[in-house]
Amino acid sequence: MKRDMNLIRAVLIATESLPDDGPSHDISVEGFSEAEVSNHVHLCSEAGFIDAENLSSLGGACWIPSRLTYEGHEFLEGIRSDTVWERAKGLALKSTGTLTIEGLKLALPLVLKSLIGG
C-alpha cells in the first residue's frame, strides 16, 4: 500500500479529536478504506506521531490510535493550516521531487517565515 501524506495529515487531525479517556478508538477518513486508514495509523505510530494499538489478527492488519504524542502535536500544529500544508508540500516536491516527513519538516519553517513576512 502506498503512503499518502494527505491521509497522514487526516489521521493526525482525527486522532487529535479523540476523547482523552484512555482507550484507543476507531477512526475513519472520508474517501479512504479501513485498511488504508489502519495502515496510515501504523505509519504515524512508527513515525512517533501517535500512540496506537495493534489489534491485527490472522484476518488482517488493524491499528487504532489512542493519542497524539508531543511530536505529533508539534507536527500537526505546523501543517494544520491548509495554506501552509499546500505550500509546504509544493516546496518539498519542487526542491526534492519527493514528499517525505523529513522534507515537510524542513519546508515548514521556510513556508511559515515567508507567510509571516520574513
PDB file of N, CA and C in Angstrom:
ATOM      1  N   MET A   1       0.853  -1.178   0.000  1.00  0.00           N
ATOM      2  CA  MET A   1       0.000   0.000   0.000  1.00  0.00           C
ATOM      3  C   MET A   1       0.896   1.238   0.000  1.00  0.00           C
ATOM      4  N   LYS A   2       0.548   2.180  -0.822  1.00  0.00           N
ATOM      5  CA  LYS A   2       1.341   3.390  -0.959  1.00  0.00           C
ATOM      6  C   LYS A   2       1.013   4.397   0.145  1.00  0.00           C
ATOM      7  N   ARG A   3       2.037   5.059   0.634  1.00  0.00           N
ATOM      8  CA  ARG A   3       1.840   6.092   1.657  1.00  0.00           C
ATOM      9  C   ARG A   3       1.224   7.332   1.014  1.00  0.00           C
ATOM     10  N   ASP A   4       0.262   7.919   1.703  1.00  0.00           N
ATOM     11  CA  ASP A   4      -0.435   9.114   1.237  1.00  0.00           C
ATOM     12  C   ASP A   4      -0.281  10.180   2.320  1.00  0.00           C
ATOM     13  N   MET A   5       0.471  11.231   2.009  1.00  0.00           N
ATOM     14  CA  MET A   5       0.741  12.255   3.013  1.00  0.00           C
ATOM     15  C   MET A   5      -0.531  13.005   3.422  1.00  0.00           C
ATOM     16  N   ASN A   6      -1.500  13.135   2.518  1.00  0.00           N
ATOM     17  CA  ASN A   6      -2.766  13.764   2.893  1.00  0.00           C
ATOM     18  C   ASN A   6      -3.506  12.907   3.917  1.00  0.00           C
ATOM     19  N   LEU A   7      -3.404  11.581   3.781  1.00  0.00           N
ATOM     20  CA  LEU A   7      -4.028  10.689   4.758  1.00  0.00           C
ATOM     21  C   LEU A   7      -3.272  10.723   6.085  1.00  0.00           C
ATOM     22  N   ILE A   8      -1.960  10.858   6.050  1.00  0.00           N
ATOM     23  CA  ILE A   8      -1.179  11.025   7.289  1.00  0.00           C
ATOM     24  C   ILE A   8      -1.721  12.243   8.049  1.00  0.00           C
ATOM     25  N   ARG A   9      -1.894  13.348   7.345  1.00  0.00           N
ATOM     26  CA  ARG A   9      -2.413  14.576   7.972  1.00  0.00           C
ATOM     27  C   ARG A   9      -3.820  14.340   8.521  1.00  0.00           C
ATOM     28  N   ALA A  10      -4.666  13.666   7.752  1.00  0.00           N
ATOM     29  CA  ALA A  10      -6.037  13.406   8.186  1.00  0.00           C
ATOM     30  C   ALA A  10      -6.070  12.499   9.415  1.00  0.00           C
ATOM     31  N   VAL A  11      -5.178  11.522   9.485  1.00  0.00           N
ATOM     32  CA  VAL A  11      -5.105  10.637  10.649  1.00  0.00           C
ATOM     33  C   VAL A  11      -4.707  11.435  11.889  1.00  0.00           C
ATOM     34  N   LEU A  12      -3.759  12.343  11.733  1.00  0.00           N
ATOM     35  CA  LEU A  12      -3.348  13.165  12.874  1.00  0.00           C
ATOM     36  C   LEU A  12      -4.497  14.055  13.348  1.00  0.00           C
ATOM     37  N   ILE A  13      -5.217  14.643  12.420  1.00  0.00           N
ATOM     38  CA  ILE A  13      -6.354  15.504  12.780  1.00  0.00           C
ATOM     39  C   ILE A  13      -7.442  14.682  13.473  1.00  0.00           C
ATOM     40  N   ALA A  14      -7.735  13.502  12.934  1.00  0.00           N
ATOM     41  CA  ALA A  14      -8.766  12.648  13.531  1.00  0.00           C
ATOM     42  C   ALA A  14      -8.343  12.159  14.915  1.00  0.00           C
ATOM     43  N   THR A  15      -7.081  11.832  15.070  1.00  0.00           N
ATOM     44  CA  THR A  15      -6.581  11.353  16.359  1.00  0.00           C
ATOM     45  C   THR A  15      -6.646  12.460  17.400  1.00  0.00           C
ATOM     46  N   GLU A  16      -6.355  13.685  17.002  1.00  0.00           N
ATOM     47  CA  GLU A  16      -6.412  14.810  17.934  1.00  0.00           C
ATOM     48  C   GLU A  16      -7.821  14.992  18.496  1.00  0.00           C
ATOM     49  N   SER A  17      -8.823  14.668  17.705  1.00  0.00           N
ATOM     50  CA  SER A  17     -10.205  14.890  18.135  1.00  0.00           C
ATOM     51  C   SER A  17     -10.760  13.763  19.007  1.00  0.00           C
ATOM     52  N   LEU A  18      -9.981  12.708  19.236  1.00  0.00           N
ATOM     53  CA  LEU A  18     -10.455  11.597  20.063  1.00  0.00           C
ATOM     54  C   LEU A  18     -10.615  12.039  21.519  1.00  0.00           C
ATOM     55  N   PRO A  19     -11.554  11.421  22.226  1.00  0.00           N
ATOM     56  CA  PRO A  19     -11.685  11.744  23.656  1.00  0.00           C
ATOM     57  C   PRO A  19     -10.449  11.282  24.430  1.00  0.00           C
ATOM     58  N   ASP A  20     -10.130  12.005  25.460  1.00  0.00           N
ATOM     59  CA  ASP A  20      -8.963  11.690  26.291  1.00  0.00           C
ATOM     60  C   ASP A  20      -9.407  10.804  27.450  1.00  0.00           C
ATOM     61  N   ASP A  21      -9.892   9.615  27.094  1.00  0.00           N
ATOM     62  CA  ASP A  21     -10.431   8.727  28.119  1.00  0.00           C
ATOM     63  C   ASP A  21      -9.643   7.438  28.291  1.00  0.00           C
ATOM     64  N   GLY A  22      -8.457   7.381  27.694  1.00  0.00           N
ATOM     65  CA  GLY A  22      -7.593   6.223  27.893  1.00  0.00           C
ATOM     66  C   GLY A  22      -7.567   5.222  26.763  1.00  0.00           C
ATOM     67  N   PRO A  23      -8.722   4.621  26.402  1.00  0.00           N
ATOM     68  CA  PRO A  23      -8.657   3.565  25.390  1.00  0.00           C
ATOM     69  C   PRO A  23      -8.441   4.108  23.977  1.00  0.00           C
ATOM     70  N   SER A  24      -8.020   3.203  23.109  1.00  0.00           N
ATOM     71  CA  SER A  24      -7.888   3.533  21.696  1.00  0.00           C
ATOM     72  C   SER A  24      -9.278   3.569  21.068  1.00  0.00           C
ATOM     73  N   HIS A  25      -9.395   4.283  19.956  1.00  0.00           N
ATOM     74  CA  HIS A  25     -10.677   4.432  19.279  1.00  0.00           C
ATOM     75  C   HIS A  25     -10.496   4.256  17.774  1.00  0.00           C
ATOM     76  N   ASP A  26     -11.502   3.659  17.156  1.00  0.00           N
ATOM     77  CA  ASP A  26     -11.504   3.594  15.697  1.00  0.00           C
ATOM     78  C   ASP A  26     -11.675   4.992  15.132  1.00  0.00           C
ATOM     79  N   ILE A  27     -11.039   5.229  13.999  1.00  0.00           N
ATOM     80  CA  ILE A  27     -11.264   6.472  13.260  1.00  0.00           C
ATOM     81  C   ILE A  27     -11.577   6.100  11.818  1.00  0.00           C
ATOM     82  N   SER A  28     -12.223   7.006  11.136  1.00  0.00           N
ATOM     83  CA  SER A  28     -12.453   6.839   9.709  1.00  0.00           C
ATOM     84  C   SER A  28     -12.118   8.155   9.030  1.00  0.00           C
ATOM     85  N   VAL A  29     -11.710   8.046   7.784  1.00  0.00           N
ATOM     86  CA  VAL A  29     -11.386   9.239   6.999  1.00  0.00           C
ATOM     87  C   VAL A  29     -12.127   9.096   5.671  1.00  0.00           C
ATOM     88  N   GLU A  30     -12.959  10.073   5.378  1.00  0.00           N
ATOM     89  CA  GLU A  30     -13.760  10.032   4.160  1.00  0.00           C
ATOM     90  C   GLU A  30     -12.873   9.844   2.934  1.00  0.00           C
ATOM     91  N   GLY A  31     -13.283   8.916   2.081  1.00  0.00           N
ATOM     92  CA  GLY A  31     -12.549   8.673   0.841  1.00  0.00           C
ATOM     93  C   GLY A  31     -11.471   7.612   0.949  1.00  0.00           C
ATOM     94  N   PHE A  32     -11.278   7.061   2.152  1.00  0.00           N
ATOM     95  CA  PHE A  32     -10.250   6.040   2.352  1.00  0.00           C
ATOM     96  C   PHE A  32     -10.858   4.814   3.012  1.00  0.00           C
ATOM     97  N   SER A  33     -10.349   3.645   2.653  1.00  0.00           N
ATOM     98  CA  SER A  33     -10.843   2.389   3.212  1.00  0.00           C
ATOM     99  C   SER A  33     -10.321   2.203   4.635  1.00  0.00           C
ATOM    100  N   GLU A  34     -10.951   1.281   5.364  1.00  0.00           N
ATOM    101  CA  GLU A  34     -10.486   0.951   6.715  1.00  0.00           C
ATOM    102  C   GLU A  34      -9.046   0.469   6.677  1.00  0.00           C
ATOM    103  N   ALA A  35      -8.698  -0.325   5.668  1.00  0.00           N
ATOM    104  CA  ALA A  35      -7.333  -0.852   5.545  1.00  0.00           C
ATOM    105  C   ALA A  35      -6.330   0.276   5.313  1.00  0.00           C
ATOM    106  N   GLU A  36      -6.678   1.245   4.479  1.00  0.00           N
ATOM    107  CA  GLU A  36      -5.780   2.379   4.225  1.00  0.00           C
ATOM    108  C   GLU A  36      -5.583   3.202   5.491  1.00  0.00           C
ATOM    109  N   VAL A  37      -6.675   3.469   6.206  1.00  0.00           N
ATOM    110  CA  VAL A  37      -6.575   4.247   7.439  1.00  0.00           C
ATOM    111  C   VAL A  37      -5.736   3.484   8.460  1.00  0.00           C
ATOM    112  N   SER A  38      -6.001   2.194   8.632  1.00  0.00           N
ATOM    113  CA  SER A  38      -5.245   1.372   9.581  1.00  0.00           C
ATOM    114  C   SER A  38      -3.748   1.389   9.255  1.00  0.00           C
ATOM    115  N   ASN A  39      -3.413   1.248   7.981  1.00  0.00           N
ATOM    116  CA  ASN A  39      -2.012   1.271   7.568  1.00  0.00           C
ATOM    117  C   ASN A  39      -1.365   2.614   7.893  1.00  0.00           C
ATOM    118  N   HIS A  40      -2.093   3.695   7.684  1.00  0.00           N
ATOM    119  CA  HIS A  40      -1.533   5.016   7.956  1.00  0.00           C
ATOM    120  C   HIS A  40      -1.480   5.332   9.452  1.00  0.00           C
ATOM    121  N   VAL A  41      -2.389   4.751  10.236  1.00  0.00           N
ATOM    122  CA  VAL A  41      -2.265   4.842  11.700  1.00  0.00           C
ATOM    123  C   VAL A  41      -0.961   4.162  12.114  1.00  0.00           C
ATOM    124  N   HIS A  42      -0.684   3.008  11.535  1.00  0.00           N
ATOM    125  CA  HIS A  42       0.557   2.300  11.835  1.00  0.00           C
ATOM    126  C   HIS A  42       1.770   3.153  11.449  1.00  0.00           C
ATOM    127  N   LEU A  43       1.730   3.756  10.258  1.00  0.00           N
ATOM    128  CA  LEU A  43       2.833   4.615   9.820  1.00  0.00           C
ATOM    129  C   LEU A  43       3.030   5.798  10.768  1.00  0.00           C
ATOM    130  N   CYS A  44       1.936   6.415  11.189  1.00  0.00           N
ATOM    131  CA  CYS A  44       2.029   7.543  12.138  1.00  0.00           C
ATOM    132  C   CYS A  44       2.622   7.089  13.470  1.00  0.00           C
ATOM    133  N   SER A  45       2.290   5.884  13.865  1.00  0.00           N
ATOM    134  CA  SER A  45       2.853   5.325  15.096  1.00  0.00           C
ATOM    135  C   SER A  45       4.353   5.106  14.937  1.00  0.00           C
ATOM    136  N   GLU A  46       4.746   4.534  13.812  1.00  0.00           N
ATOM    137  CA  GLU A  46       6.177   4.311  13.560  1.00  0.00           C
ATOM    138  C   GLU A  46       6.950   5.622  13.493  1.00  0.00           C
ATOM    139  N   ALA A  47       6.310   6.675  12.993  1.00  0.00           N
ATOM    140  CA  ALA A  47       6.962   7.987  12.895  1.00  0.00           C
ATOM    141  C   ALA A  47       7.034   8.691  14.245  1.00  0.00           C
ATOM    142  N   GLY A  48       6.363   8.140  15.261  1.00  0.00           N
ATOM    143  CA  GLY A  48       6.387   8.747  16.589  1.00  0.00           C
ATOM    144  C   GLY A  48       5.349   9.836  16.783  1.00  0.00           C
ATOM    145  N   PHE A  49       4.371   9.938  15.857  1.00  0.00           N
ATOM    146  CA  PHE A  49       3.357  10.984  15.940  1.00  0.00           C
ATOM    147  C   PHE A  49       2.165  10.602  16.800  1.00  0.00           C
ATOM    148  N   ILE A  50       1.889   9.310  16.918  1.00  0.00           N
ATOM    149  CA  ILE A  50       0.748   8.860  17.704  1.00  0.00           C
ATOM    150  C   ILE A  50       1.109   7.603  18.480  1.00  0.00           C
ATOM    151  N   ASP A  51       0.361   7.369  19.543  1.00  0.00           N
ATOM    152  CA  ASP A  51       0.354   6.072  20.199  1.00  0.00           C
ATOM    153  C   ASP A  51      -0.813   5.316  19.605  1.00  0.00           C
ATOM    154  N   ALA A  52      -0.584   4.061  19.230  1.00  0.00           N
ATOM    155  CA  ALA A  52      -1.629   3.271  18.593  1.00  0.00           C
ATOM    156  C   ALA A  52      -1.574   1.844  19.108  1.00  0.00           C
ATOM    157  N   GLU A  53      -2.709   1.196  19.018  1.00  0.00           N
ATOM    158  CA  GLU A  53      -2.817  -0.181  19.471  1.00  0.00           C
ATOM    159  C   GLU A  53      -2.911  -1.097  18.253  1.00  0.00           C
ATOM    160  N   ASN A  54      -2.125  -2.164  18.280  1.00  0.00           N
ATOM    161  CA  ASN A  54      -2.136  -3.151  17.214  1.00  0.00           C
ATOM    162  C   ASN A  54      -3.145  -4.238  17.557  1.00  0.00           C
ATOM    163  N   LEU A  55      -4.257  -4.251  16.858  1.00  0.00           N
ATOM    164  CA  LEU A  55      -5.289  -5.271  17.052  1.00  0.00           C
ATOM    165  C   LEU A  55      -5.317  -6.245  15.883  1.00  0.00           C
ATOM    166  N   SER A  56      -4.209  -6.328  15.163  1.00  0.00           N
ATOM    167  CA  SER A  56      -4.120  -7.191  13.995  1.00  0.00           C
ATOM    168  C   SER A  56      -4.289  -8.649  14.385  1.00  0.00           C
ATOM    169  N   SER A  57      -4.835  -9.402  13.446  1.00  0.00           N
ATOM    170  CA  SER A  57      -5.024 -10.837  13.638  1.00  0.00           C
ATOM    171  C   SER A  57      -4.769 -11.522  12.313  1.00  0.00           C
ATOM    172  N   LEU A  58      -5.015 -12.809  12.273  1.00  0.00           N
ATOM    173  CA  LEU A  58      -4.861 -13.539  11.017  1.00  0.00           C
ATOM    174  C   LEU A  58      -5.808 -13.022   9.953  1.00  0.00           C
ATOM    175  N   GLY A  59      -6.862 -12.334  10.375  1.00  0.00           N
ATOM    176  CA  GLY A  59      -7.825 -11.754   9.447  1.00  0.00           C
ATOM    177  C   GLY A  59      -7.330 -10.487   8.776  1.00  0.00           C
ATOM    178  N   GLY A  60      -6.240  -9.922   9.268  1.00  0.00           N
ATOM    179  CA  GLY A  60      -5.684  -8.726   8.657  1.00  0.00           C
ATOM    180  C   GLY A  60      -5.160  -7.739   9.674  1.00  0.00           C
ATOM    181  N   ALA A  61      -4.530  -6.710   9.142  1.00  0.00           N
ATOM    182  CA  ALA A  61      -3.942  -5.664   9.974  1.00  0.00           C
ATOM    183  C   ALA A  61      -5.032  -4.746  10.501  1.00  0.00           C
ATOM    184  N   CYS A  62      -4.877  -4.337  11.751  1.00  0.00           N
ATOM    185  CA  CYS A  62      -5.816  -3.400  12.364  1.00  0.00           C
ATOM    186  C   CYS A  62      -5.075  -2.583  13.413  1.00  0.00           C
ATOM    187  N   TRP A  63      -4.842  -1.334  13.106  1.00  0.00           N
ATOM    188  CA  TRP A  63      -4.200  -0.397  14.022  1.00  0.00           C
ATOM    189  C   TRP A  63      -5.194   0.710  14.339  1.00  0.00           C
ATOM    190  N   ILE A  64      -5.349   1.015  15.635  1.00  0.00           N
ATOM    191  CA  ILE A  64      -6.237   2.110  16.029  1.00  0.00           C
ATOM    192  C   ILE A  64      -5.478   3.062  16.952  1.00  0.00           C
ATOM    193  N   PRO A  65      -5.702   4.357  16.778  1.00  0.00           N
ATOM    194  CA  PRO A  65      -4.967   5.347  17.562  1.00  0.00           C
ATOM    195  C   PRO A  65      -5.572   5.577  18.946  1.00  0.00           C
ATOM    196  N   SER A  66      -4.707   6.004  19.874  1.00  0.00           N
ATOM    197  CA  SER A  66      -5.206   6.379  21.193  1.00  0.00           C
ATOM    198  C   SER A  66      -4.943   7.856  21.494  1.00  0.00           C
ATOM    199  N   ARG A  67      -3.802   8.386  21.005  1.00  0.00           N
ATOM    200  CA  ARG A  67      -3.492   9.786  21.301  1.00  0.00           C
ATOM    201  C   ARG A  67      -2.342  10.266  20.442  1.00  0.00           C
ATOM    202  N   LEU A  68      -2.258  11.594  20.297  1.00  0.00           N
ATOM    203  CA  LEU A  68      -1.087  12.203  19.669  1.00  0.00           C
ATOM    204  C   LEU A  68       0.041  12.262  20.691  1.00  0.00           C
ATOM    205  N   THR A  69       1.253  12.063  20.223  1.00  0.00           N
ATOM    206  CA  THR A  69       2.421  12.282  21.068  1.00  0.00           C
ATOM    207  C   THR A  69       2.777  13.772  21.013  1.00  0.00           C
ATOM    208  N   TYR A  70       3.747  14.171  21.805  1.00  0.00           N
ATOM    209  CA  TYR A  70       4.212  15.562  21.747  1.00  0.00           C
ATOM    210  C   TYR A  70       4.673  15.887  20.324  1.00  0.00           C
ATOM    211  N   GLU A  71       5.460  14.983  19.726  1.00  0.00           N
ATOM    212  CA  GLU A  71       5.950  15.174  18.359  1.00  0.00           C
ATOM    213  C   GLU A  71       4.782  15.290  17.381  1.00  0.00           C
ATOM    214  N   GLY A  72       3.740  14.495  17.590  1.00  0.00           N
ATOM    215  CA  GLY A  72       2.564  14.557  16.740  1.00  0.00           C
ATOM    216  C   GLY A  72       1.842  15.883  16.845  1.00  0.00           C
ATOM    217  N   HIS A  73       1.705  16.389  18.079  1.00  0.00           N
ATOM    218  CA  HIS A  73       1.081  17.705  18.278  1.00  0.00           C
ATOM    219  C   HIS A  73       1.899  18.789  17.573  1.00  0.00           C
ATOM    220  N   GLU A  74       3.208  18.741  17.735  1.00  0.00           N
ATOM    221  CA  GLU A  74       4.071  19.753  17.115  1.00  0.00           C
ATOM    222  C   GLU A  74       3.963  19.721  15.592  1.00  0.00           C
ATOM    223  N   PHE A  75       4.024  18.518  15.008  1.00  0.00           N
ATOM    224  CA  PHE A  75       3.939  18.399  13.555  1.00  0.00           C
ATOM    225  C   PHE A  75       2.569  18.848  13.058  1.00  0.00           C
ATOM    226  N   LEU A  76       1.509  18.424  13.738  1.00  0.00           N
ATOM    227  CA  LEU A  76       0.165  18.804  13.323  1.00  0.00           C
ATOM    228  C   LEU A  76      -0.037  20.311  13.395  1.00  0.00           C
ATOM    229  N   GLU A  77       0.464  20.960  14.424  1.00  0.00           N
ATOM    230  CA  GLU A  77       0.324  22.414  14.505  1.00  0.00           C
ATOM    231  C   GLU A  77       0.993  23.086  13.312  1.00  0.00           C
ATOM    232  N   GLY A  78       2.103  22.516  12.850  1.00  0.00           N
ATOM    233  CA  GLY A  78       2.792  23.080  11.695  1.00  0.00           C
ATOM    234  C   GLY A  78       2.042  22.901  10.391  1.00  0.00           C
ATOM    235  N   ILE A  79       1.277  21.824  10.267  1.00  0.00           N
ATOM    236  CA  ILE A  79       0.617  21.522   8.993  1.00  0.00           C
ATOM    237  C   ILE A  79      -0.903  21.695   9.035  1.00  0.00           C
ATOM    238  N   ARG A  80      -1.426  22.201  10.134  1.00  0.00           N
ATOM    239  CA  ARG A  80      -2.893  22.311  10.289  1.00  0.00           C
ATOM    240  C   ARG A  80      -3.519  23.221   9.230  1.00  0.00           C
ATOM    241  N   SER A  81      -2.938  24.371   9.001  1.00  0.00           N
ATOM    242  CA  SER A  81      -3.465  25.327   8.026  1.00  0.00           C
ATOM    243  C   SER A  81      -3.387  24.734   6.617  1.00  0.00           C
ATOM    244  N   ASP A  82      -4.501  24.806   5.883  1.00  0.00           N
ATOM    245  CA  ASP A  82      -4.499  24.312   4.501  1.00  0.00           C
ATOM    246  C   ASP A  82      -3.476  25.056   3.651  1.00  0.00           C
ATOM    247  N   THR A  83      -3.349  26.355   3.886  1.00  0.00           N
ATOM    248  CA  THR A  83      -2.390  27.160   3.121  1.00  0.00           C
ATOM    249  C   THR A  83      -0.962  26.696   3.377  1.00  0.00           C
ATOM    250  N   VAL A  84      -0.607  26.551   4.636  1.00  0.00           N
ATOM    251  CA  VAL A  84       0.748  26.109   4.990  1.00  0.00           C
ATOM    252  C   VAL A  84       0.985  24.700   4.450  1.00  0.00           C
ATOM    253  N   TRP A  85      -0.006  23.818   4.620  1.00  0.00           N
ATOM    254  CA  TRP A  85       0.116  22.442   4.158  1.00  0.00           C
ATOM    255  C   TRP A  85       0.409  22.388   2.652  1.00  0.00           C
ATOM    256  N   GLU A  86      -0.375  23.093   1.873  1.00  0.00           N
ATOM    257  CA  GLU A  86      -0.196  23.053   0.416  1.00  0.00           C
ATOM    258  C   GLU A  86       1.135  23.672  -0.004  1.00  0.00           C
ATOM    259  N   ARG A  87       1.513  24.758   0.639  1.00  0.00           N
ATOM    260  CA  ARG A  87       2.795  25.393   0.285  1.00  0.00           C
ATOM    261  C   ARG A  87       3.985  24.525   0.693  1.00  0.00           C
ATOM    262  N   ALA A  88       3.908  23.906   1.859  1.00  0.00           N
ATOM    263  CA  ALA A  88       4.996  23.033   2.313  1.00  0.00           C
ATOM    264  C   ALA A  88       5.132  21.819   1.397  1.00  0.00           C
ATOM    265  N   LYS A  89       4.012  21.229   1.024  1.00  0.00           N
ATOM    266  CA  LYS A  89       4.059  20.095   0.096  1.00  0.00           C
ATOM    267  C   LYS A  89       4.671  20.535  -1.233  1.00  0.00           C
ATOM    268  N   GLY A  90       4.218  21.678  -1.734  1.00  0.00           N
ATOM    269  CA  GLY A  90       4.738  22.185  -3.004  1.00  0.00           C
ATOM    270  C   GLY A  90       6.223  22.457  -2.954  1.00  0.00           C
ATOM    271  N   LEU A  91       6.677  23.082  -1.868  1.00  0.00           N
ATOM    272  CA  LEU A  91       8.101  23.382  -1.725  1.00  0.00           C
ATOM    273  C   LEU A  91       8.933  22.111  -1.631  1.00  0.00           C
ATOM    274  N   ALA A  92       8.470  21.156  -0.841  1.00  0.00           N
ATOM    275  CA  ALA A  92       9.209  19.892  -0.697  1.00  0.00           C
ATOM    276  C   ALA A  92       9.279  19.159  -2.034  1.00  0.00           C
ATOM    277  N   LEU A  93       8.171  19.107  -2.752  1.00  0.00           N
ATOM    278  CA  LEU A  93       8.159  18.425  -4.049  1.00  0.00           C
ATOM    279  C   LEU A  93       9.031  19.146  -5.074  1.00  0.00           C
ATOM    280  N   LYS A  94       8.951  20.472  -5.092  1.00  0.00           N
ATOM    281  CA  LYS A  94       9.740  21.251  -6.048  1.00  0.00           C
ATOM    282  C   LYS A  94      11.234  21.102  -5.769  1.00  0.00           C
ATOM    283  N   SER A  95      11.596  21.091  -4.494  1.00  0.00           N
ATOM    284  CA  SER A  95      13.007  21.049  -4.118  1.00  0.00           C
ATOM    285  C   SER A  95      13.627  19.667  -4.259  1.00  0.00           C
ATOM    286  N   THR A  96      12.841  18.633  -3.947  1.00  0.00           N
ATOM    287  CA  THR A  96      13.417  17.287  -3.894  1.00  0.00           C
ATOM    288  C   THR A  96      12.801  16.301  -4.877  1.00  0.00           C
ATOM    289  N   GLY A  97      11.625  16.633  -5.397  1.00  0.00           N
ATOM    290  CA  GLY A  97      10.944  15.717  -6.297  1.00  0.00           C
ATOM    291  C   GLY A  97      10.201  14.608  -5.577  1.00  0.00           C
ATOM    292  N   THR A  98      10.193  14.673  -4.257  1.00  0.00           N
ATOM    293  CA  THR A  98       9.510  13.660  -3.462  1.00  0.00           C
ATOM    294  C   THR A  98       8.879  14.317  -2.241  1.00  0.00           C
ATOM    295  N   LEU A  99       7.972  13.588  -1.618  1.00  0.00           N
ATOM    296  CA  LEU A  99       7.284  14.130  -0.453  1.00  0.00           C
ATOM    297  C   LEU A  99       7.502  13.199   0.731  1.00  0.00           C
ATOM    298  N   THR A 100       8.309  13.657   1.679  1.00  0.00           N
ATOM    299  CA  THR A 100       8.609  12.875   2.876  1.00  0.00           C
ATOM    300  C   THR A 100       8.314  13.700   4.117  1.00  0.00           C
ATOM    301  N   ILE A 101       8.213  13.016   5.237  1.00  0.00           N
ATOM    302  CA  ILE A 101       8.023  13.710   6.518  1.00  0.00           C
ATOM    303  C   ILE A 101       9.193  14.652   6.765  1.00  0.00           C
ATOM    304  N   GLU A 102      10.395  14.160   6.562  1.00  0.00           N
ATOM    305  CA  GLU A 102      11.580  14.994   6.815  1.00  0.00           C
ATOM    306  C   GLU A 102      11.620  16.194   5.878  1.00  0.00           C
ATOM    307  N   GLY A 103      11.232  16.003   4.619  1.00  0.00           N
ATOM    308  CA  GLY A 103      11.173  17.120   3.683  1.00  0.00           C
ATOM    309  C   GLY A 103      10.157  18.164   4.113  1.00  0.00           C
ATOM    310  N   LEU A 104       9.005  17.692   4.598  1.00  0.00           N
ATOM    311  CA  LEU A 104       7.989  18.620   5.102  1.00  0.00           C
ATOM    312  C   LEU A 104       8.483  19.366   6.331  1.00  0.00           C
ATOM    313  N   LYS A 105       9.182  18.665   7.223  1.00  0.00           N
ATOM    314  CA  LYS A 105       9.713  19.318   8.423  1.00  0.00           C
ATOM    315  C   LYS A 105      10.709  20.410   8.051  1.00  0.00           C
ATOM    316  N   LEU A 106      11.472  20.217   6.985  1.00  0.00           N
ATOM    317  CA  LEU A 106      12.415  21.241   6.540  1.00  0.00           C
ATOM    318  C   LEU A 106      11.715  22.386   5.813  1.00  0.00           C
ATOM    319  N   ALA A 107      10.647  22.060   5.083  1.00  0.00           N
ATOM    320  CA  ALA A 107       9.927  23.083   4.317  1.00  0.00           C
ATOM    321  C   ALA A 107       9.068  23.973   5.208  1.00  0.00           C
ATOM    322  N   LEU A 108       8.527  23.419   6.290  1.00  0.00           N
ATOM    323  CA  LEU A 108       7.612  24.184   7.140  1.00  0.00           C
ATOM    324  C   LEU A 108       8.179  25.501   7.648  1.00  0.00           C
ATOM    325  N   PRO A 109       9.380  25.536   8.219  1.00  0.00           N
ATOM    326  CA  PRO A 109       9.888  26.827   8.697  1.00  0.00           C
ATOM    327  C   PRO A 109      10.047  27.858   7.579  1.00  0.00           C
ATOM    328  N   LEU A 110      10.412  27.399   6.384  1.00  0.00           N
ATOM    329  CA  LEU A 110      10.567  28.329   5.258  1.00  0.00           C
ATOM    330  C   LEU A 110       9.213  28.897   4.839  1.00  0.00           C
ATOM    331  N   VAL A 111       8.210  28.045   4.804  1.00  0.00           N
ATOM    332  CA  VAL A 111       6.866  28.492   4.443  1.00  0.00           C
ATOM    333  C   VAL A 111       6.335  29.467   5.501  1.00  0.00           C
ATOM    334  N   LEU A 112       6.481  29.107   6.756  1.00  0.00           N
ATOM    335  CA  LEU A 112       5.998  29.978   7.836  1.00  0.00           C
ATOM    336  C   LEU A 112       6.701  31.333   7.811  1.00  0.00           C
ATOM    337  N   LYS A 113       7.999  31.312   7.570  1.00  0.00           N
ATOM    338  CA  LYS A 113       8.752  32.564   7.508  1.00  0.00           C
ATOM    339  C   LYS A 113       8.250  33.437   6.358  1.00  0.00           C
ATOM    340  N   SER A 114       7.986  32.836   5.206  1.00  0.00           N
ATOM    341  CA  SER A 114       7.503  33.625   4.076  1.00  0.00           C
ATOM    342  C   SER A 114       6.102  34.179   4.329  1.00  0.00           C
ATOM    343  N   LEU A 115       5.263  33.409   5.035  1.00  0.00           N
ATOM    344  CA  LEU A 115       3.918  33.895   5.350  1.00  0.00           C
ATOM    345  C   LEU A 115       3.924  35.016   6.389  1.00  0.00           C
ATOM    346  N   ILE A 116       4.887  34.945   7.297  1.00  0.00           N
ATOM    347  CA  ILE A 116       4.985  35.973   8.336  1.00  0.00           C
ATOM    348  C   ILE A 116       5.578  37.261   7.767  1.00  0.00           C
ATOM    349  N   GLY A 117       6.321  37.122   6.680  1.00  0.00           N
ATOM    350  CA  GLY A 117       6.863  38.317   6.033  1.00  0.00           C
ATOM    351  C   GLY A 117       8.354  38.430   6.105  1.00  0.00           C
ATOM    352  N   GLY A 118       9.009  37.335   6.466  1.00  0.00           N
ATOM    353  CA  GLY A 118      10.460  37.369   6.607  1.00  0.00           C
ATOM    354  C   GLY A 118      11.128  36.953   5.357  1.00  0.00           C
TER     355      GLY A 118
END
